[in-house]
Amino acid sequence: MTIYTYGSFRQIDKVNYTYWVEASSGPWELRDKYAITISRTGSFPTTAIETTGTATIVVTTNTTVTGSFSIEYLKSIGFTVSYVNNNVYYLRKNISLTYVYSVY
């Protein structure tokens, strides 16, 4: 985002980009990514923004995997098995995040 400041005055002039970024790699990927940022005051420039996003986490794994990515663990935190083929499991979980940022 582009922020203008002068002394103690601050304002958000515009949001340059709003998008999902995968924080790490592994047997998963983000699909169906959607993100948007709006002004909390109705227009730009503004002093506060709200960003909302949704995506689907898709994990590909098999029954030999254990630990934090075991199938049972993923099911326990809300993943559903969407497809099984030759002992390879595809699990999915829809996620939604919202945050507010204010310059004051």
N, C-alpha and C. Protein backbone atom coordinates (compact mmCIF):
# COMPACT_ATOMS: atom_id res chain seq x y z
N MET A 1 0.84 -1.16 0.00
CA MET A 1 0.00 0.00 0.00
C MET A 1 0.88 1.23 0.00
N THR A 2 0.30 2.32 -0.42
CA THR A 2 1.00 3.60 -0.43
C THR A 2 0.42 4.46 0.69
N ILE A 3 1.30 4.88 1.61
CA ILE A 3 0.89 5.69 2.76
C ILE A 3 1.55 7.05 2.67
N TYR A 4 0.75 8.08 2.87
CA TYR A 4 1.25 9.46 2.90
C TYR A 4 1.33 9.90 4.35
N THR A 5 2.45 10.51 4.71
CA THR A 5 2.60 11.04 6.07
C THR A 5 3.16 12.46 5.99
N TYR A 6 2.72 13.27 6.92
CA TYR A 6 3.25 14.62 7.08
C TYR A 6 3.10 14.97 8.56
N GLY A 7 4.21 15.02 9.26
CA GLY A 7 4.16 15.23 10.71
C GLY A 7 3.41 14.07 11.37
N SER A 8 2.36 14.39 12.12
CA SER A 8 1.58 13.33 12.76
C SER A 8 0.39 12.88 11.90
N PHE A 9 0.21 13.50 10.73
CA PHE A 9 -0.88 13.12 9.82
C PHE A 9 -0.48 11.91 8.99
N ARG A 10 -1.42 10.98 8.87
CA ARG A 10 -1.16 9.76 8.06
C ARG A 10 -2.43 9.40 7.30
N GLN A 11 -2.24 8.87 6.09
CA GLN A 11 -3.38 8.34 5.36
C GLN A 11 -2.90 7.29 4.38
N ILE A 12 -3.77 6.35 4.09
CA ILE A 12 -3.49 5.32 3.09
C ILE A 12 -4.05 5.84 1.77
N ASP A 13 -3.14 6.09 0.81
CA ASP A 13 -3.58 6.62 -0.48
C ASP A 13 -4.16 5.55 -1.38
N LYS A 14 -3.53 4.37 -1.38
CA LYS A 14 -4.03 3.28 -2.22
C LYS A 14 -3.43 1.95 -1.78
N VAL A 15 -4.08 0.89 -2.18
CA VAL A 15 -3.56 -0.45 -1.97
C VAL A 15 -3.06 -0.93 -3.32
N ASN A 16 -1.78 -1.27 -3.39
CA ASN A 16 -1.17 -1.64 -4.66
C ASN A 16 -1.57 -3.05 -5.10
N TYR A 17 -1.54 -4.01 -4.18
CA TYR A 17 -1.85 -5.40 -4.49
C TYR A 17 -2.51 -6.06 -3.29
N THR A 18 -3.40 -6.99 -3.55
CA THR A 18 -3.98 -7.83 -2.51
C THR A 18 -3.97 -9.25 -3.06
N TYR A 19 -3.24 -10.15 -2.40
CA TYR A 19 -3.12 -11.51 -2.92
C TYR A 19 -2.65 -12.46 -1.83
N TRP A 20 -2.85 -13.75 -2.07
CA TRP A 20 -2.37 -14.79 -1.18
C TRP A 20 -0.93 -15.16 -1.56
N VAL A 21 -0.11 -15.43 -0.56
CA VAL A 21 1.25 -15.92 -0.77
C VAL A 21 1.44 -17.15 0.10
N GLU A 22 1.92 -18.22 -0.50
CA GLU A 22 2.21 -19.43 0.27
C GLU A 22 3.47 -19.20 1.08
N ALA A 23 3.37 -19.40 2.39
CA ALA A 23 4.48 -19.11 3.30
C ALA A 23 5.57 -20.17 3.23
N SER A 24 5.24 -21.37 2.80
CA SER A 24 6.24 -22.43 2.70
C SER A 24 5.78 -23.41 1.64
N SER A 25 6.62 -24.40 1.38
CA SER A 25 6.24 -25.42 0.39
C SER A 25 6.08 -26.75 1.10
N GLY A 26 5.49 -27.69 0.42
CA GLY A 26 5.27 -29.01 1.00
C GLY A 26 4.26 -29.77 0.16
N PRO A 27 3.61 -30.75 0.76
CA PRO A 27 2.65 -31.57 0.01
C PRO A 27 1.28 -30.90 -0.13
N TRP A 28 1.25 -29.59 -0.21
CA TRP A 28 0.00 -28.85 -0.25
C TRP A 28 0.14 -27.68 -1.20
N GLU A 29 -1.01 -27.13 -1.60
CA GLU A 29 -1.03 -25.92 -2.40
C GLU A 29 -2.32 -25.15 -2.12
N LEU A 30 -2.30 -23.87 -2.43
CA LEU A 30 -3.50 -23.04 -2.31
C LEU A 30 -4.18 -22.98 -3.67
N ARG A 31 -5.49 -23.21 -3.68
CA ARG A 31 -6.28 -23.13 -4.91
C ARG A 31 -7.46 -22.20 -4.69
N ASP A 32 -8.06 -21.79 -5.77
CA ASP A 32 -9.26 -20.93 -5.72
C ASP A 32 -9.04 -19.72 -4.82
N LYS A 33 -7.90 -19.06 -5.02
CA LYS A 33 -7.53 -17.93 -4.17
C LYS A 33 -8.31 -16.67 -4.58
N TYR A 34 -8.84 -15.98 -3.57
CA TYR A 34 -9.55 -14.72 -3.78
C TYR A 34 -9.17 -13.79 -2.64
N ALA A 35 -8.87 -12.54 -2.96
CA ALA A 35 -8.55 -11.57 -1.92
C ALA A 35 -8.95 -10.17 -2.41
N ILE A 36 -9.42 -9.36 -1.47
CA ILE A 36 -9.84 -8.00 -1.78
C ILE A 36 -9.55 -7.11 -0.58
N THR A 37 -9.24 -5.85 -0.86
CA THR A 37 -9.05 -4.86 0.19
C THR A 37 -9.97 -3.68 -0.08
N ILE A 38 -10.67 -3.23 0.97
CA ILE A 38 -11.56 -2.09 0.84
C ILE A 38 -11.20 -1.04 1.88
N SER A 39 -11.62 0.18 1.62
CA SER A 39 -11.47 1.26 2.58
C SER A 39 -12.53 1.10 3.66
N ARG A 40 -12.15 1.25 4.91
CA ARG A 40 -13.12 1.18 6.01
C ARG A 40 -13.93 2.47 6.14
N THR A 41 -13.49 3.54 5.46
CA THR A 41 -14.22 4.80 5.51
C THR A 41 -15.06 5.01 4.25
N GLY A 42 -15.00 4.10 3.30
CA GLY A 42 -15.82 4.18 2.09
C GLY A 42 -15.08 4.56 0.83
N SER A 43 -13.93 5.21 0.94
CA SER A 43 -13.18 5.59 -0.25
C SER A 43 -11.72 5.84 0.13
N PHE A 44 -10.89 6.00 -0.89
CA PHE A 44 -9.48 6.34 -0.70
C PHE A 44 -9.30 7.81 -1.04
N PRO A 45 -8.41 8.54 -0.36
CA PRO A 45 -7.57 8.08 0.75
C PRO A 45 -8.39 7.77 1.99
N THR A 46 -7.79 6.96 2.86
CA THR A 46 -8.48 6.49 4.05
C THR A 46 -7.48 6.36 5.20
N THR A 47 -7.98 6.11 6.38
CA THR A 47 -7.10 5.87 7.52
C THR A 47 -7.12 4.41 7.95
N ALA A 48 -8.03 3.61 7.33
CA ALA A 48 -8.12 2.20 7.71
C ALA A 48 -8.60 1.37 6.51
N ILE A 49 -8.06 0.16 6.40
CA ILE A 49 -8.47 -0.76 5.34
C ILE A 49 -8.87 -2.09 5.95
N GLU A 50 -9.67 -2.84 5.22
CA GLU A 50 -10.04 -4.20 5.61
C GLU A 50 -9.72 -5.13 4.45
N THR A 51 -8.97 -6.17 4.73
CA THR A 51 -8.61 -7.15 3.72
C THR A 51 -9.26 -8.48 4.07
N THR A 52 -9.91 -9.08 3.08
CA THR A 52 -10.57 -10.36 3.25
C THR A 52 -10.12 -11.28 2.14
N GLY A 53 -9.94 -12.55 2.49
CA GLY A 53 -9.55 -13.52 1.48
C GLY A 53 -10.05 -14.91 1.78
N THR A 54 -10.27 -15.66 0.72
CA THR A 54 -10.64 -17.06 0.84
C THR A 54 -9.75 -17.88 -0.09
N ALA A 55 -9.58 -19.13 0.25
CA ALA A 55 -8.79 -20.05 -0.57
C ALA A 55 -9.12 -21.47 -0.13
N THR A 56 -8.66 -22.41 -0.90
CA THR A 56 -8.78 -23.83 -0.54
C THR A 56 -7.39 -24.42 -0.45
N ILE A 57 -7.10 -25.05 0.70
CA ILE A 57 -5.83 -25.76 0.87
C ILE A 57 -6.05 -27.18 0.39
N VAL A 58 -5.21 -27.63 -0.53
CA VAL A 58 -5.29 -29.00 -1.05
C VAL A 58 -4.00 -29.72 -0.68
N VAL A 59 -4.13 -30.83 0.05
CA VAL A 59 -2.98 -31.62 0.48
C VAL A 59 -3.01 -32.95 -0.26
N THR A 60 -1.87 -33.35 -0.80
CA THR A 60 -1.72 -34.65 -1.44
C THR A 60 -0.76 -35.48 -0.58
N THR A 61 -1.23 -36.63 -0.10
CA THR A 61 -0.41 -37.45 0.78
C THR A 61 -0.81 -38.92 0.65
N ASN A 62 -0.13 -39.78 1.36
CA ASN A 62 -0.49 -41.20 1.36
C ASN A 62 -0.52 -41.72 2.78
N THR A 63 -0.88 -42.99 2.96
CA THR A 63 -1.05 -43.54 4.30
C THR A 63 0.27 -43.78 5.03
N THR A 64 1.39 -43.71 4.34
CA THR A 64 2.67 -43.94 5.02
C THR A 64 3.16 -42.69 5.73
N VAL A 65 2.57 -41.55 5.46
CA VAL A 65 2.97 -40.30 6.10
C VAL A 65 2.41 -40.26 7.52
N THR A 66 3.24 -39.88 8.48
CA THR A 66 2.78 -39.76 9.87
C THR A 66 3.18 -38.38 10.39
N GLY A 67 2.80 -38.09 11.61
CA GLY A 67 3.17 -36.83 12.23
C GLY A 67 2.17 -35.75 11.91
N SER A 68 2.65 -34.51 11.76
CA SER A 68 1.75 -33.37 11.62
C SER A 68 0.95 -33.39 10.32
N PHE A 69 1.35 -34.17 9.34
CA PHE A 69 0.59 -34.22 8.10
C PHE A 69 -0.09 -35.57 7.89
N SER A 70 -0.28 -36.35 8.95
CA SER A 70 -0.98 -37.61 8.79
C SER A 70 -2.43 -37.34 8.40
N ILE A 71 -3.04 -38.29 7.73
CA ILE A 71 -4.42 -38.13 7.27
C ILE A 71 -5.35 -37.91 8.45
N GLU A 72 -5.18 -38.67 9.51
CA GLU A 72 -6.06 -38.51 10.69
C GLU A 72 -5.91 -37.14 11.33
N TYR A 73 -4.67 -36.65 11.40
CA TYR A 73 -4.47 -35.32 11.96
C TYR A 73 -5.15 -34.26 11.10
N LEU A 74 -4.97 -34.34 9.78
CA LEU A 74 -5.59 -33.36 8.90
C LEU A 74 -7.11 -33.40 9.00
N LYS A 75 -7.68 -34.59 9.12
CA LYS A 75 -9.13 -34.70 9.30
C LYS A 75 -9.56 -34.04 10.62
N SER A 76 -8.74 -34.19 11.66
CA SER A 76 -9.10 -33.65 12.97
C SER A 76 -9.11 -32.12 12.99
N ILE A 77 -8.41 -31.48 12.05
CA ILE A 77 -8.40 -30.01 12.00
C ILE A 77 -9.26 -29.48 10.85
N GLY A 78 -10.16 -30.32 10.33
CA GLY A 78 -11.16 -29.82 9.41
C GLY A 78 -10.99 -30.15 7.94
N PHE A 79 -9.97 -30.89 7.59
CA PHE A 79 -9.81 -31.29 6.19
C PHE A 79 -10.77 -32.43 5.86
N THR A 80 -11.23 -32.47 4.64
CA THR A 80 -12.06 -33.58 4.17
C THR A 80 -11.33 -34.29 3.04
N VAL A 81 -11.51 -35.61 2.96
CA VAL A 81 -10.91 -36.39 1.89
C VAL A 81 -11.75 -36.16 0.65
N SER A 82 -11.13 -35.62 -0.40
CA SER A 82 -11.89 -35.32 -1.61
C SER A 82 -11.70 -36.37 -2.68
N TYR A 83 -10.60 -37.16 -2.60
CA TYR A 83 -10.34 -38.15 -3.65
C TYR A 83 -9.26 -39.11 -3.17
N VAL A 84 -9.39 -40.37 -3.49
CA VAL A 84 -8.37 -41.38 -3.17
C VAL A 84 -8.11 -42.18 -4.44
N ASN A 85 -6.82 -42.34 -4.78
CA ASN A 85 -6.45 -43.11 -5.95
C ASN A 85 -5.10 -43.78 -5.70
N ASN A 86 -5.06 -45.13 -5.77
CA ASN A 86 -3.82 -45.88 -5.55
C ASN A 86 -3.11 -45.49 -4.26
N ASN A 87 -3.86 -45.40 -3.17
CA ASN A 87 -3.32 -45.09 -1.84
C ASN A 87 -2.81 -43.65 -1.71
N VAL A 88 -3.15 -42.79 -2.66
CA VAL A 88 -2.82 -41.36 -2.57
C VAL A 88 -4.11 -40.63 -2.23
N TYR A 89 -4.04 -39.83 -1.16
CA TYR A 89 -5.20 -39.10 -0.66
C TYR A 89 -5.09 -37.63 -1.03
N TYR A 90 -6.20 -37.07 -1.42
CA TYR A 90 -6.30 -35.64 -1.70
C TYR A 90 -7.28 -35.07 -0.68
N LEU A 91 -6.79 -34.18 0.15
CA LEU A 91 -7.61 -33.58 1.21
C LEU A 91 -7.76 -32.10 0.94
N ARG A 92 -8.91 -31.55 1.34
CA ARG A 92 -9.22 -30.15 1.09
C ARG A 92 -9.76 -29.46 2.35
N LYS A 93 -9.46 -28.18 2.45
CA LYS A 93 -10.03 -27.37 3.52
C LYS A 93 -10.19 -25.94 3.01
N ASN A 94 -11.40 -25.41 3.12
CA ASN A 94 -11.63 -24.01 2.76
C ASN A 94 -11.22 -23.13 3.93
N ILE A 95 -10.55 -22.03 3.62
CA ILE A 95 -10.13 -21.09 4.66
C ILE A 95 -10.59 -19.68 4.30
N SER A 96 -10.77 -18.88 5.32
CA SER A 96 -11.18 -17.49 5.15
C SER A 96 -10.48 -16.66 6.21
N LEU A 97 -9.89 -15.56 5.80
CA LEU A 97 -9.18 -14.68 6.73
C LEU A 97 -9.60 -13.23 6.48
N THR A 98 -9.69 -12.47 7.56
CA THR A 98 -9.98 -11.04 7.46
C THR A 98 -9.08 -10.31 8.45
N TYR A 99 -8.53 -9.18 8.03
CA TYR A 99 -7.81 -8.35 8.99
C TYR A 99 -8.05 -6.89 8.67
N VAL A 100 -7.89 -6.05 9.67
CA VAL A 100 -8.06 -4.61 9.55
C VAL A 100 -6.73 -3.95 9.88
N TYR A 101 -6.35 -2.98 9.07
CA TYR A 101 -5.13 -2.21 9.33
C TYR A 101 -5.51 -0.73 9.39
N SER A 102 -5.04 -0.05 10.43
CA SER A 102 -5.32 1.37 10.59
C SER A 102 -4.02 2.12 10.82
N VAL A 103 -3.93 3.31 10.28
CA VAL A 103 -2.73 4.12 10.49
C VAL A 103 -2.76 4.88 11.82
N TYR A 104 -3.89 4.79 12.54
CA TYR A 104 -4.00 5.45 13.85
C TYR A 104 -4.34 4.45 14.92
